[in-house]
PDB file of N, CA and C in Angstrom:
ATOM      1  N   MET A   1      72.712  56.399  59.601  1.00  0.00           N
ATOM      2  CA  MET A   1      72.969  55.010  59.332  1.00  0.00           C
ATOM      3  C   MET A   1      72.894  54.189  60.615  1.00  0.00           C
ATOM      4  N   HIS A   2      73.468  54.719  61.668  1.00  0.00           N
ATOM      5  CA  HIS A   2      73.482  53.982  62.933  1.00  0.00           C
ATOM      6  C   HIS A   2      72.085  53.891  63.547  1.00  0.00           C
ATOM      7  N   SER A   3      71.242  54.915  63.311  1.00  0.00           N
ATOM      8  CA  SER A   3      69.858  54.841  63.791  1.00  0.00           C
ATOM      9  C   SER A   3      69.143  53.676  63.145  1.00  0.00           C
ATOM     10  N   TRP A   4      69.381  53.480  61.854  1.00  0.00           N
ATOM     11  CA  TRP A   4      68.771  52.366  61.129  1.00  0.00           C
ATOM     12  C   TRP A   4      69.340  51.031  61.622  1.00  0.00           C
ATOM     13  N   ALA A   5      70.648  50.957  61.790  1.00  0.00           N
ATOM     14  CA  ALA A   5      71.304  49.711  62.207  1.00  0.00           C
ATOM     15  C   ALA A   5      70.835  49.267  63.585  1.00  0.00           C
ATOM     16  N   LYS A   6      70.505  50.222  64.453  1.00  0.00           N
ATOM     17  CA  LYS A   6      70.047  49.880  65.800  1.00  0.00           C
ATOM     18  C   LYS A   6      68.774  49.047  65.779  1.00  0.00           C
ATOM     19  N   LYS A   7      67.975  49.153  64.716  1.00  0.00           N
ATOM     20  CA  LYS A   7      66.723  48.414  64.628  1.00  0.00           C
ATOM     21  C   LYS A   7      66.935  46.934  64.291  1.00  0.00           C
ATOM     22  N   ALA A   8      68.135  46.570  63.884  1.00  0.00           N
ATOM     23  CA  ALA A   8      68.414  45.174  63.542  1.00  0.00           C
ATOM     24  C   ALA A   8      68.442  44.316  64.804  1.00  0.00           C
ATOM     25  N   PRO A   9      68.061  43.038  64.668  1.00  0.00           N
ATOM     26  CA  PRO A   9      68.137  42.150  65.837  1.00  0.00           C
ATOM     27  C   PRO A   9      69.589  41.827  66.178  1.00  0.00           C
ATOM     28  N   GLY A  10      69.811  41.274  67.346  1.00  0.00           N
ATOM     29  CA  GLY A  10      71.161  40.870  67.729  1.00  0.00           C
ATOM     30  C   GLY A  10      71.845  41.894  68.607  1.00  0.00           C
ATOM     31  N   THR A  11      73.062  41.565  69.029  1.00  0.00           N
ATOM     32  CA  THR A  11      73.767  42.429  69.969  1.00  0.00           C
ATOM     33  C   THR A  11      74.973  43.116  69.340  1.00  0.00           C
ATOM     34  N   LYS A  12      75.857  42.374  68.700  1.00  0.00           N
ATOM     35  CA  LYS A  12      77.063  42.976  68.126  1.00  0.00           C
ATOM     36  C   LYS A  12      76.782  43.383  66.679  1.00  0.00           C
ATOM     37  N   LYS A  13      76.726  44.700  66.431  1.00  0.00           N
ATOM     38  CA  LYS A  13      76.394  45.223  65.109  1.00  0.00           C
ATOM     39  C   LYS A  13      77.557  46.018  64.558  1.00  0.00           C
ATOM     40  N   GLU A  14      77.945  45.707  63.342  1.00  0.00           N
ATOM     41  CA  GLU A  14      79.052  46.404  62.698  1.00  0.00           C
ATOM     42  C   GLU A  14      78.583  47.001  61.383  1.00  0.00           C
ATOM     43  N   VAL A  15      78.735  48.313  61.242  1.00  0.00           N
ATOM     44  CA  VAL A  15      78.432  49.001  59.992  1.00  0.00           C
ATOM     45  C   VAL A  15      79.764  49.308  59.322  1.00  0.00           C
ATOM     46  N   ASP A  16      79.882  48.912  58.066  1.00  0.00           N
ATOM     47  CA  ASP A  16      81.137  49.078  57.336  1.00  0.00           C
ATOM     48  C   ASP A  16      80.861  49.800  56.025  1.00  0.00           C
ATOM     49  N   GLY A  17      81.754  50.668  55.632  1.00  0.00           N
ATOM     50  CA  GLY A  17      81.609  51.396  54.380  1.00  0.00           C
ATOM     51  C   GLY A  17      82.689  51.079  53.377  1.00  0.00           C
ATOM     52  N   ASP A  18      83.367  49.951  53.520  1.00  0.00           N
ATOM     53  CA  ASP A  18      84.515  49.652  52.669  1.00  0.00           C
ATOM     54  C   ASP A  18      84.262  48.630  51.573  1.00  0.00           C
ATOM     55  N   GLN A  19      83.017  48.178  51.374  1.00  0.00           N
ATOM     56  CA  GLN A  19      82.731  47.222  50.305  1.00  0.00           C
ATOM     57  C   GLN A  19      82.712  47.950  48.960  1.00  0.00           C
ATOM     58  N   PRO A  20      83.217  47.329  47.902  1.00  0.00           N
ATOM     59  CA  PRO A  20      83.176  47.976  46.593  1.00  0.00           C
ATOM     60  C   PRO A  20      81.751  48.069  46.045  1.00  0.00           C
ATOM     61  N   ASN A  21      81.416  49.177  45.419  1.00  0.00           N
ATOM     62  CA  ASN A  21      80.169  49.409  44.688  1.00  0.00           C
ATOM     63  C   ASN A  21      78.918  49.613  45.530  1.00  0.00           C
ATOM     64  N   ILE A  22      79.000  49.464  46.846  1.00  0.00           N
ATOM     65  CA  ILE A  22      77.853  49.735  47.702  1.00  0.00           C
ATOM     66  C   ILE A  22      78.295  50.695  48.796  1.00  0.00           C
ATOM     67  N   ASP A  23      77.322  51.294  49.480  1.00  0.00           N
ATOM     68  CA  ASP A  23      77.664  52.312  50.471  1.00  0.00           C
ATOM     69  C   ASP A  23      77.993  51.741  51.843  1.00  0.00           C
ATOM     70  N   TYR A  24      77.197  50.780  52.302  1.00  0.00           N
ATOM     71  CA  TYR A  24      77.399  50.228  53.644  1.00  0.00           C
ATOM     72  C   TYR A  24      77.055  48.749  53.670  1.00  0.00           C
ATOM     73  N   THR A  25      77.605  48.059  54.652  1.00  0.00           N
ATOM     74  CA  THR A  25      77.172  46.708  54.987  1.00  0.00           C
ATOM     75  C   THR A  25      76.858  46.676  56.474  1.00  0.00           C
ATOM     76  N   LEU A  26      75.979  45.758  56.855  1.00  0.00           N
ATOM     77  CA  LEU A  26      75.629  45.575  58.257  1.00  0.00           C
ATOM     78  C   LEU A  26      75.840  44.117  58.612  1.00  0.00           C
ATOM     79  N   VAL A  27      76.756  43.876  59.543  1.00  0.00           N
ATOM     80  CA  VAL A  27      77.022  42.530  60.042  1.00  0.00           C
ATOM     81  C   VAL A  27      76.534  42.475  61.481  1.00  0.00           C
ATOM     82  N   VAL A  28      75.672  41.502  61.785  1.00  0.00           N
ATOM     83  CA  VAL A  28      75.106  41.366  63.126  1.00  0.00           C
ATOM     84  C   VAL A  28      75.493  40.003  63.683  1.00  0.00           C
ATOM     85  N   ASP A  29      76.176  40.026  64.816  1.00  0.00           N
ATOM     86  CA  ASP A  29      76.611  38.791  65.480  1.00  0.00           C
ATOM     87  C   ASP A  29      77.322  37.845  64.512  1.00  0.00           C
ATOM     88  N   GLY A  30      78.163  38.415  63.665  1.00  0.00           N
ATOM     89  CA  GLY A  30      78.950  37.628  62.727  1.00  0.00           C
ATOM     90  C   GLY A  30      78.212  37.193  61.467  1.00  0.00           C
ATOM     91  N   ILE A  31      76.917  37.528  61.352  1.00  0.00           N
ATOM     92  CA  ILE A  31      76.123  37.158  60.177  1.00  0.00           C
ATOM     93  C   ILE A  31      76.059  38.356  59.229  1.00  0.00           C
ATOM     94  N   LYS A  32      76.394  38.120  57.964  1.00  0.00           N
ATOM     95  CA  LYS A  32      76.322  39.185  56.957  1.00  0.00           C
ATOM     96  C   LYS A  32      74.852  39.462  56.675  1.00  0.00           C
ATOM     97  N   LEU A  33      74.309  40.469  57.353  1.00  0.00           N
ATOM     98  CA  LEU A  33      72.868  40.684  57.336  1.00  0.00           C
ATOM     99  C   LEU A  33      72.396  41.514  56.145  1.00  0.00           C
ATOM    100  N   ALA A  34      73.016  42.663  55.888  1.00  0.00           N
ATOM    101  CA  ALA A  34      72.448  43.549  54.867  1.00  0.00           C
ATOM    102  C   ALA A  34      73.507  44.348  54.132  1.00  0.00           C
ATOM    103  N   VAL A  35      73.208  44.623  52.861  1.00  0.00           N
ATOM    104  CA  VAL A  35      73.975  45.568  52.057  1.00  0.00           C
ATOM    105  C   VAL A  35      73.064  46.764  51.796  1.00  0.00           C
ATOM    106  N   VAL A  36      73.672  47.947  51.662  1.00  0.00           N
ATOM    107  CA  VAL A  36      72.897  49.185  51.596  1.00  0.00           C
ATOM    108  C   VAL A  36      73.433  50.109  50.511  1.00  0.00           C
ATOM    109  N   ILE A  37      72.503  50.697  49.772  1.00  0.00           N
ATOM    110  CA  ILE A  37      72.811  51.824  48.878  1.00  0.00           C
ATOM    111  C   ILE A  37      72.019  53.011  49.408  1.00  0.00           C
ATOM    112  N   THR A  38      72.651  54.156  49.548  1.00  0.00           N
ATOM    113  CA  THR A  38      71.935  55.354  49.955  1.00  0.00           C
ATOM    114  C   THR A  38      71.617  56.188  48.722  1.00  0.00           C
ATOM    115  N   THR A  39      70.503  56.917  48.790  1.00  0.00           N
ATOM    116  CA  THR A  39      70.147  57.788  47.675  1.00  0.00           C
ATOM    117  C   THR A  39      71.115  58.960  47.634  1.00  0.00           C
ATOM    118  N   LYS A  40      71.387  59.419  46.441  1.00  0.00           N
ATOM    119  CA  LYS A  40      72.184  60.634  46.250  1.00  0.00           C
ATOM    120  C   LYS A  40      71.319  61.599  45.463  1.00  0.00           C
ATOM    121  N   GLN A  41      71.068  62.771  46.007  1.00  0.00           N
ATOM    122  CA  GLN A  41      70.189  63.772  45.391  1.00  0.00           C
ATOM    123  C   GLN A  41      68.813  63.170  45.093  1.00  0.00           C
ATOM    124  N   ASP A  42      68.312  62.358  46.028  1.00  0.00           N
ATOM    125  CA  ASP A  42      66.977  61.752  45.988  1.00  0.00           C
ATOM    126  C   ASP A  42      66.788  60.703  44.896  1.00  0.00           C
ATOM    127  N   ILE A  43      67.861  60.213  44.289  1.00  0.00           N
ATOM    128  CA  ILE A  43      67.744  59.176  43.256  1.00  0.00           C
ATOM    129  C   ILE A  43      68.772  58.070  43.495  1.00  0.00           C
ATOM    130  N   ILE A  44      68.580  56.956  42.809  1.00  0.00           N
ATOM    131  CA  ILE A  44      69.626  55.942  42.688  1.00  0.00           C
ATOM    132  C   ILE A  44      69.710  55.586  41.207  1.00  0.00           C
ATOM    133  N   THR A  45      70.784  54.963  40.816  1.00  0.00           N
ATOM    134  CA  THR A  45      70.919  54.581  39.413  1.00  0.00           C
ATOM    135  C   THR A  45      70.485  53.129  39.227  1.00  0.00           C
ATOM    136  N   ALA A  46      70.138  52.801  37.994  1.00  0.00           N
ATOM    137  CA  ALA A  46      69.770  51.423  37.679  1.00  0.00           C
ATOM    138  C   ALA A  46      70.950  50.494  37.967  1.00  0.00           C
ATOM    139  N   ARG A  47      72.174  50.966  37.732  1.00  0.00           N
ATOM    140  CA  ARG A  47      73.368  50.171  38.013  1.00  0.00           C
ATOM    141  C   ARG A  47      73.476  49.861  39.509  1.00  0.00           C
ATOM    142  N   GLU A  48      73.237  50.873  40.357  1.00  0.00           N
ATOM    143  CA  GLU A  48      73.289  50.655  41.806  1.00  0.00           C
ATOM    144  C   GLU A  48      72.244  49.626  42.240  1.00  0.00           C
ATOM    145  N   LEU A  49      71.050  49.735  41.682  1.00  0.00           N
ATOM    146  CA  LEU A  49      69.991  48.797  42.036  1.00  0.00           C
ATOM    147  C   LEU A  49      70.356  47.375  41.606  1.00  0.00           C
ATOM    148  N   ALA A  50      70.970  47.244  40.435  1.00  0.00           N
ATOM    149  CA  ALA A  50      71.398  45.929  39.946  1.00  0.00           C
ATOM    150  C   ALA A  50      72.500  45.349  40.825  1.00  0.00           C
ATOM    151  N   ILE A  51      73.449  46.175  41.231  1.00  0.00           N
ATOM    152  CA  ILE A  51      74.528  45.720  42.118  1.00  0.00           C
ATOM    153  C   ILE A  51      73.952  45.246  43.448  1.00  0.00           C
ATOM    154  N   LEU A  52      73.021  46.021  43.989  1.00  0.00           N
ATOM    155  CA  LEU A  52      72.375  45.664  45.246  1.00  0.00           C
ATOM    156  C   LEU A  52      71.657  44.324  45.113  1.00  0.00           C
ATOM    157  N   ASP A  53      70.934  44.145  44.022  1.00  0.00           N
ATOM    158  CA  ASP A  53      70.219  42.900  43.778  1.00  0.00           C
ATOM    159  C   ASP A  53      71.187  41.719  43.638  1.00  0.00           C
ATOM    160  N   ASN A  54      72.312  41.940  42.965  1.00  0.00           N
ATOM    161  CA  ASN A  54      73.312  40.878  42.799  1.00  0.00           C
ATOM    162  C   ASN A  54      73.909  40.446  44.135  1.00  0.00           C
ATOM    163  N   TYR A  55      74.183  41.410  45.017  1.00  0.00           N
ATOM    164  CA  TYR A  55      74.714  41.064  46.340  1.00  0.00           C
ATOM    165  C   TYR A  55      73.719  40.189  47.102  1.00  0.00           C
ATOM    166  N   LYS A  56      72.432  40.537  47.026  1.00  0.00           N
ATOM    167  CA  LYS A  56      71.425  39.763  47.764  1.00  0.00           C
ATOM    168  C   LYS A  56      71.176  38.419  47.100  1.00  0.00           C
ATOM    169  N   SER A  57      71.002  38.403  45.788  1.00  0.00           N
ATOM    170  CA  SER A  57      70.670  37.150  45.109  1.00  0.00           C
ATOM    171  C   SER A  57      71.842  36.167  45.108  1.00  0.00           C
ATOM    172  N   GLY A  58      73.057  36.672  45.365  1.00  0.00           N
ATOM    173  CA  GLY A  58      74.218  35.791  45.473  1.00  0.00           C
ATOM    174  C   GLY A  58      74.198  34.939  46.719  1.00  0.00           C
ATOM    175  N   GLY A  59      73.302  35.262  47.653  1.00  0.00           N
ATOM    176  CA  GLY A  59      73.108  34.429  48.830  1.00  0.00           C
ATOM    177  C   GLY A  59      74.000  34.725  50.017  1.00  0.00           C
ATOM    178  N   ILE A  60      74.950  35.644  49.871  1.00  0.00           N
ATOM    179  CA  ILE A  60      75.849  35.954  50.988  1.00  0.00           C
ATOM    180  C   ILE A  60      75.147  36.874  51.985  1.00  0.00           C
ATOM    181  N   TRP A  61      74.413  37.861  51.467  1.00  0.00           N
ATOM    182  CA  TRP A  61      73.726  38.833  52.315  1.00  0.00           C
ATOM    183  C   TRP A  61      72.245  38.490  52.377  1.00  0.00           C
ATOM    184  N   LYS A  62      71.651  38.582  53.553  1.00  0.00           N
ATOM    185  CA  LYS A  62      70.248  38.214  53.728  1.00  0.00           C
ATOM    186  C   LYS A  62      69.295  39.291  53.213  1.00  0.00           C
ATOM    187  N   PHE A  63      69.684  40.571  53.334  1.00  0.00           N
ATOM    188  CA  PHE A  63      68.804  41.669  52.932  1.00  0.00           C
ATOM    189  C   PHE A  63      69.588  42.700  52.131  1.00  0.00           C
ATOM    190  N   ALA A  64      68.868  43.448  51.308  1.00  0.00           N
ATOM    191  CA  ALA A  64      69.456  44.556  50.564  1.00  0.00           C
ATOM    192  C   ALA A  64      68.494  45.738  50.684  1.00  0.00           C
ATOM    193  N   TYR A  65      69.032  46.871  51.102  1.00  0.00           N
ATOM    194  CA  TYR A  65      68.193  48.036  51.374  1.00  0.00           C
ATOM    195  C   TYR A  65      68.627  49.263  50.573  1.00  0.00           C
ATOM    196  N   VAL A  66      67.620  50.083  50.249  1.00  0.00           N
ATOM    197  CA  VAL A  66      67.866  51.439  49.766  1.00  0.00           C
ATOM    198  C   VAL A  66      67.511  52.342  50.937  1.00  0.00           C
ATOM    199  N   ILE A  67      68.425  53.242  51.285  1.00  0.00           N
ATOM    200  CA  ILE A  67      68.212  54.142  52.420  1.00  0.00           C
ATOM    201  C   ILE A  67      68.292  55.589  51.956  1.00  0.00           C
ATOM    202  N   HIS A  68      67.363  56.397  52.444  1.00  0.00           N
ATOM    203  CA  HIS A  68      67.314  57.823  52.128  1.00  0.00           C
ATOM    204  C   HIS A  68      67.427  58.579  53.451  1.00  0.00           C
ATOM    205  N   ILE A  69      68.454  59.402  53.577  1.00  0.00           N
ATOM    206  CA  ILE A  69      68.717  60.105  54.834  1.00  0.00           C
ATOM    207  C   ILE A  69      68.436  61.588  54.663  1.00  0.00           C
ATOM    208  N   THR A  70      67.599  62.136  55.544  1.00  0.00           N
ATOM    209  CA  THR A  70      67.336  63.576  55.584  1.00  0.00           C
ATOM    210  C   THR A  70      67.865  64.087  56.920  1.00  0.00           C
ATOM    211  N   PRO A  71      67.885  65.410  57.131  1.00  0.00           N
ATOM    212  CA  PRO A  71      68.424  65.922  58.405  1.00  0.00           C
ATOM    213  C   PRO A  71      67.726  65.385  59.657  1.00  0.00           C
ATOM    214  N   ASP A  72      66.430  65.044  59.569  1.00  0.00           N
ATOM    215  CA  ASP A  72      65.738  64.612  60.781  1.00  0.00           C
ATOM    216  C   ASP A  72      65.107  63.214  60.695  1.00  0.00           C
ATOM    217  N   LYS A  73      65.203  62.553  59.530  1.00  0.00           N
ATOM    218  CA  LYS A  73      64.587  61.233  59.379  1.00  0.00           C
ATOM    219  C   LYS A  73      65.471  60.322  58.538  1.00  0.00           C
ATOM    220  N   VAL A  74      65.289  59.027  58.751  1.00  0.00           N
ATOM    221  CA  VAL A  74      65.943  58.015  57.930  1.00  0.00           C
ATOM    222  C   VAL A  74      64.832  57.157  57.330  1.00  0.00           C
ATOM    223  N   TYR A  75      64.786  57.088  56.004  1.00  0.00           N
ATOM    224  CA  TYR A  75      63.802  56.277  55.299  1.00  0.00           C
ATOM    225  C   TYR A  75      64.515  55.044  54.750  1.00  0.00           C
ATOM    226  N   TYR A  76      63.870  53.883  54.821  1.00  0.00           N
ATOM    227  CA  TYR A  76      64.508  52.668  54.317  1.00  0.00           C
ATOM    228  C   TYR A  76      63.482  51.742  53.684  1.00  0.00           C
ATOM    229  N   GLN A  77      63.940  50.984  52.695  1.00  0.00           N
ATOM    230  CA  GLN A  77      63.075  50.032  52.002  1.00  0.00           C
ATOM    231  C   GLN A  77      63.899  48.840  51.557  1.00  0.00           C
ATOM    232  N   GLU A  78      63.415  47.645  51.833  1.00  0.00           N
ATOM    233  CA  GLU A  78      64.077  46.433  51.366  1.00  0.00           C
ATOM    234  C   GLU A  78      63.892  46.350  49.854  1.00  0.00           C
ATOM    235  N   ILE A  79      64.901  45.856  49.155  1.00  0.00           N
ATOM    236  CA  ILE A  79      64.871  45.854  47.695  1.00  0.00           C
ATOM    237  C   ILE A  79      63.678  45.066  47.140  1.00  0.00           C
ATOM    238  N   ALA A  80      63.236  44.024  47.844  1.00  0.00           N
ATOM    239  CA  ALA A  80      62.092  43.234  47.377  1.00  0.00           C
ATOM    240  C   ALA A  80      60.817  44.068  47.324  1.00  0.00           C
ATOM    241  N   ASP A  81      60.726  45.113  48.147  1.00  0.00           N
ATOM    242  CA  ASP A  81      59.534  45.975  48.200  1.00  0.00           C
ATOM    243  C   ASP A  81      59.750  47.325  47.531  1.00  0.00           C
ATOM    244  N   PHE A  82      60.892  47.484  46.873  1.00  0.00           N
ATOM    245  CA  PHE A  82      61.267  48.776  46.298  1.00  0.00           C
ATOM    246  C   PHE A  82      60.415  49.107  45.079  1.00  0.00           C
ATOM    247  N   SER A  83      59.994  50.374  44.989  1.00  0.00           N
ATOM    248  CA  SER A  83      59.312  50.855  43.788  1.00  0.00           C
ATOM    249  C   SER A  83      59.739  52.300  43.560  1.00  0.00           C
ATOM    250  N   GLY A  84      59.630  52.718  42.311  1.00  0.00           N
ATOM    251  CA  GLY A  84      60.013  54.086  41.981  1.00  0.00           C
ATOM    252  C   GLY A  84      59.742  54.378  40.524  1.00  0.00           C
ATOM    253  N   ASN A  85      60.052  55.610  40.140  1.00  0.00           N
ATOM    254  CA  ASN A  85      59.848  56.056  38.764  1.00  0.00           C
ATOM    255  C   ASN A  85      61.171  56.047  38.025  1.00  0.00           C
ATOM    256  N   VAL A  86      61.199  55.355  36.891  1.00  0.00           N
ATOM    257  CA  VAL A  86      62.413  55.244  36.089  1.00  0.00           C
ATOM    258  C   VAL A  86      62.446  56.371  35.065  1.00  0.00           C
ATOM    259  N   LYS A  87      63.606  57.021  34.987  1.00  0.00           N
ATOM    260  CA  LYS A  87      63.822  58.045  33.977  1.00  0.00           C
ATOM    261  C   LYS A  87      65.243  57.858  33.463  1.00  0.00           C
ATOM    262  N   GLY A  88      65.367  57.318  32.254  1.00  0.00           N
ATOM    263  CA  GLY A  88      66.690  56.994  31.734  1.00  0.00           C
ATOM    264  C   GLY A  88      67.301  55.895  32.574  1.00  0.00           C
ATOM    265  N   ASN A  89      68.505  56.138  33.079  1.00  0.00           N
ATOM    266  CA  ASN A  89      69.144  55.118  33.927  1.00  0.00           C
ATOM    267  C   ASN A  89      69.096  55.492  35.402  1.00  0.00           C
ATOM    268  N   THR A  90      68.224  56.428  35.773  1.00  0.00           N
ATOM    269  CA  THR A  90      68.063  56.783  37.188  1.00  0.00           C
ATOM    270  C   THR A  90      66.658  56.413  37.656  1.00  0.00           C
ATOM    271  N   ILE A  91      66.542  56.191  38.948  1.00  0.00           N
ATOM    272  CA  ILE A  91      65.264  55.835  39.550  1.00  0.00           C
ATOM    273  C   ILE A  91      65.010  56.772  40.722  1.00  0.00           C
ATOM    274  N   THR A  92      63.836  57.386  40.718  1.00  0.00           N
ATOM    275  CA  THR A  92      63.404  58.193  41.852  1.00  0.00           C
ATOM    276  C   THR A  92      62.528  57.291  42.713  1.00  0.00           C
ATOM    277  N   PRO A  93      63.004  56.927  43.893  1.00  0.00           N
ATOM    278  CA  PRO A  93      62.227  56.025  44.740  1.00  0.00           C
ATOM    279  C   PRO A  93      60.887  56.621  45.147  1.00  0.00           C
ATOM    280  N   ASP A  94      59.909  55.760  45.366  1.00  0.00           N
ATOM    281  CA  ASP A  94      58.619  56.165  45.906  1.00  0.00           C
ATOM    282  C   ASP A  94      58.769  56.196  47.426  1.00  0.00           C
ATOM    283  N   PHE A  95      59.159  57.356  47.959  1.00  0.00           N
ATOM    284  CA  PHE A  95      59.449  57.462  49.384  1.00  0.00           C
ATOM    285  C   PHE A  95      58.225  57.238  50.258  1.00  0.00           C
ATOM    286  N   ASN A  96      57.010  57.362  49.688  1.00  0.00           N
ATOM    287  CA  ASN A  96      55.803  57.106  50.463  1.00  0.00           C
ATOM    288  C   ASN A  96      55.705  55.648  50.896  1.00  0.00           C
ATOM    289  N   SER A  97      56.353  54.758  50.167  1.00  0.00           N
ATOM    290  CA  SER A  97      56.308  53.333  50.520  1.00  0.00           C
ATOM    291  C   SER A  97      57.436  52.939  51.483  1.00  0.00           C
ATOM    292  N   PHE A  98      58.369  53.858  51.745  1.00  0.00           N
ATOM    293  CA  PHE A  98      59.498  53.560  52.629  1.00  0.00           C
ATOM    294  C   PHE A  98      59.052  53.598  54.084  1.00  0.00           C
ATOM    295  N   LYS A  99      59.722  52.827  54.923  1.00  0.00           N
ATOM    296  CA  LYS A  99      59.544  52.928  56.369  1.00  0.00           C
ATOM    297  C   LYS A  99      60.398  54.089  56.859  1.00  0.00           C
ATOM    298  N   CYS A 100      60.057  54.626  58.020  1.00  0.00           N
ATOM    299  CA  CYS A 100      60.732  55.844  58.498  1.00  0.00           C
ATOM    300  C   CYS A 100      61.167  55.693  59.953  1.00  0.00           C
ATOM    301  N   ILE A 101      62.357  56.214  60.230  1.00  0.00           N
ATOM    302  CA  ILE A 101      62.864  56.327  61.588  1.00  0.00           C
ATOM    303  C   ILE A 101      63.045  57.818  61.850  1.00  0.00           C
ATOM    304  N   GLN A 102      62.407  58.328  62.868  1.00  0.00           N
ATOM    305  CA  GLN A 102      62.556  59.732  63.217  1.00  0.00           C
ATOM    306  C   GLN A 102      63.753  59.886  64.143  1.00  0.00           C
ATOM    307  N   GLU A 103      64.619  60.853  63.844  1.00  0.00           N
ATOM    308  CA  GLU A 103      65.809  61.073  64.679  1.00  0.00           C
ATOM    309  C   GLU A 103      65.437  61.752  65.972  1.00  0.00           C
TER     310      GLU A 103
END
């Protein structure tokens, strides 16, 4: 998570995991920059995606990201560019479209 947060602009960066219904928030220089959902077992739920979209469309947060963490890489995608395969109420992200940070 911190590897991803380091790529954000600004100097004072705070990663918080205490927001309800989402995994992390990123505040940069006092600006509520991003809300984050991480994949669990390589999927996210439709509910998680809707919550993420609501946080962003509410105008408080500038960006909303889905993040996939592996032992040696961090993959991330902004919700506006998110794509995946829907099966029931779960979504398997198209990780080929994600950006990657190598640890």
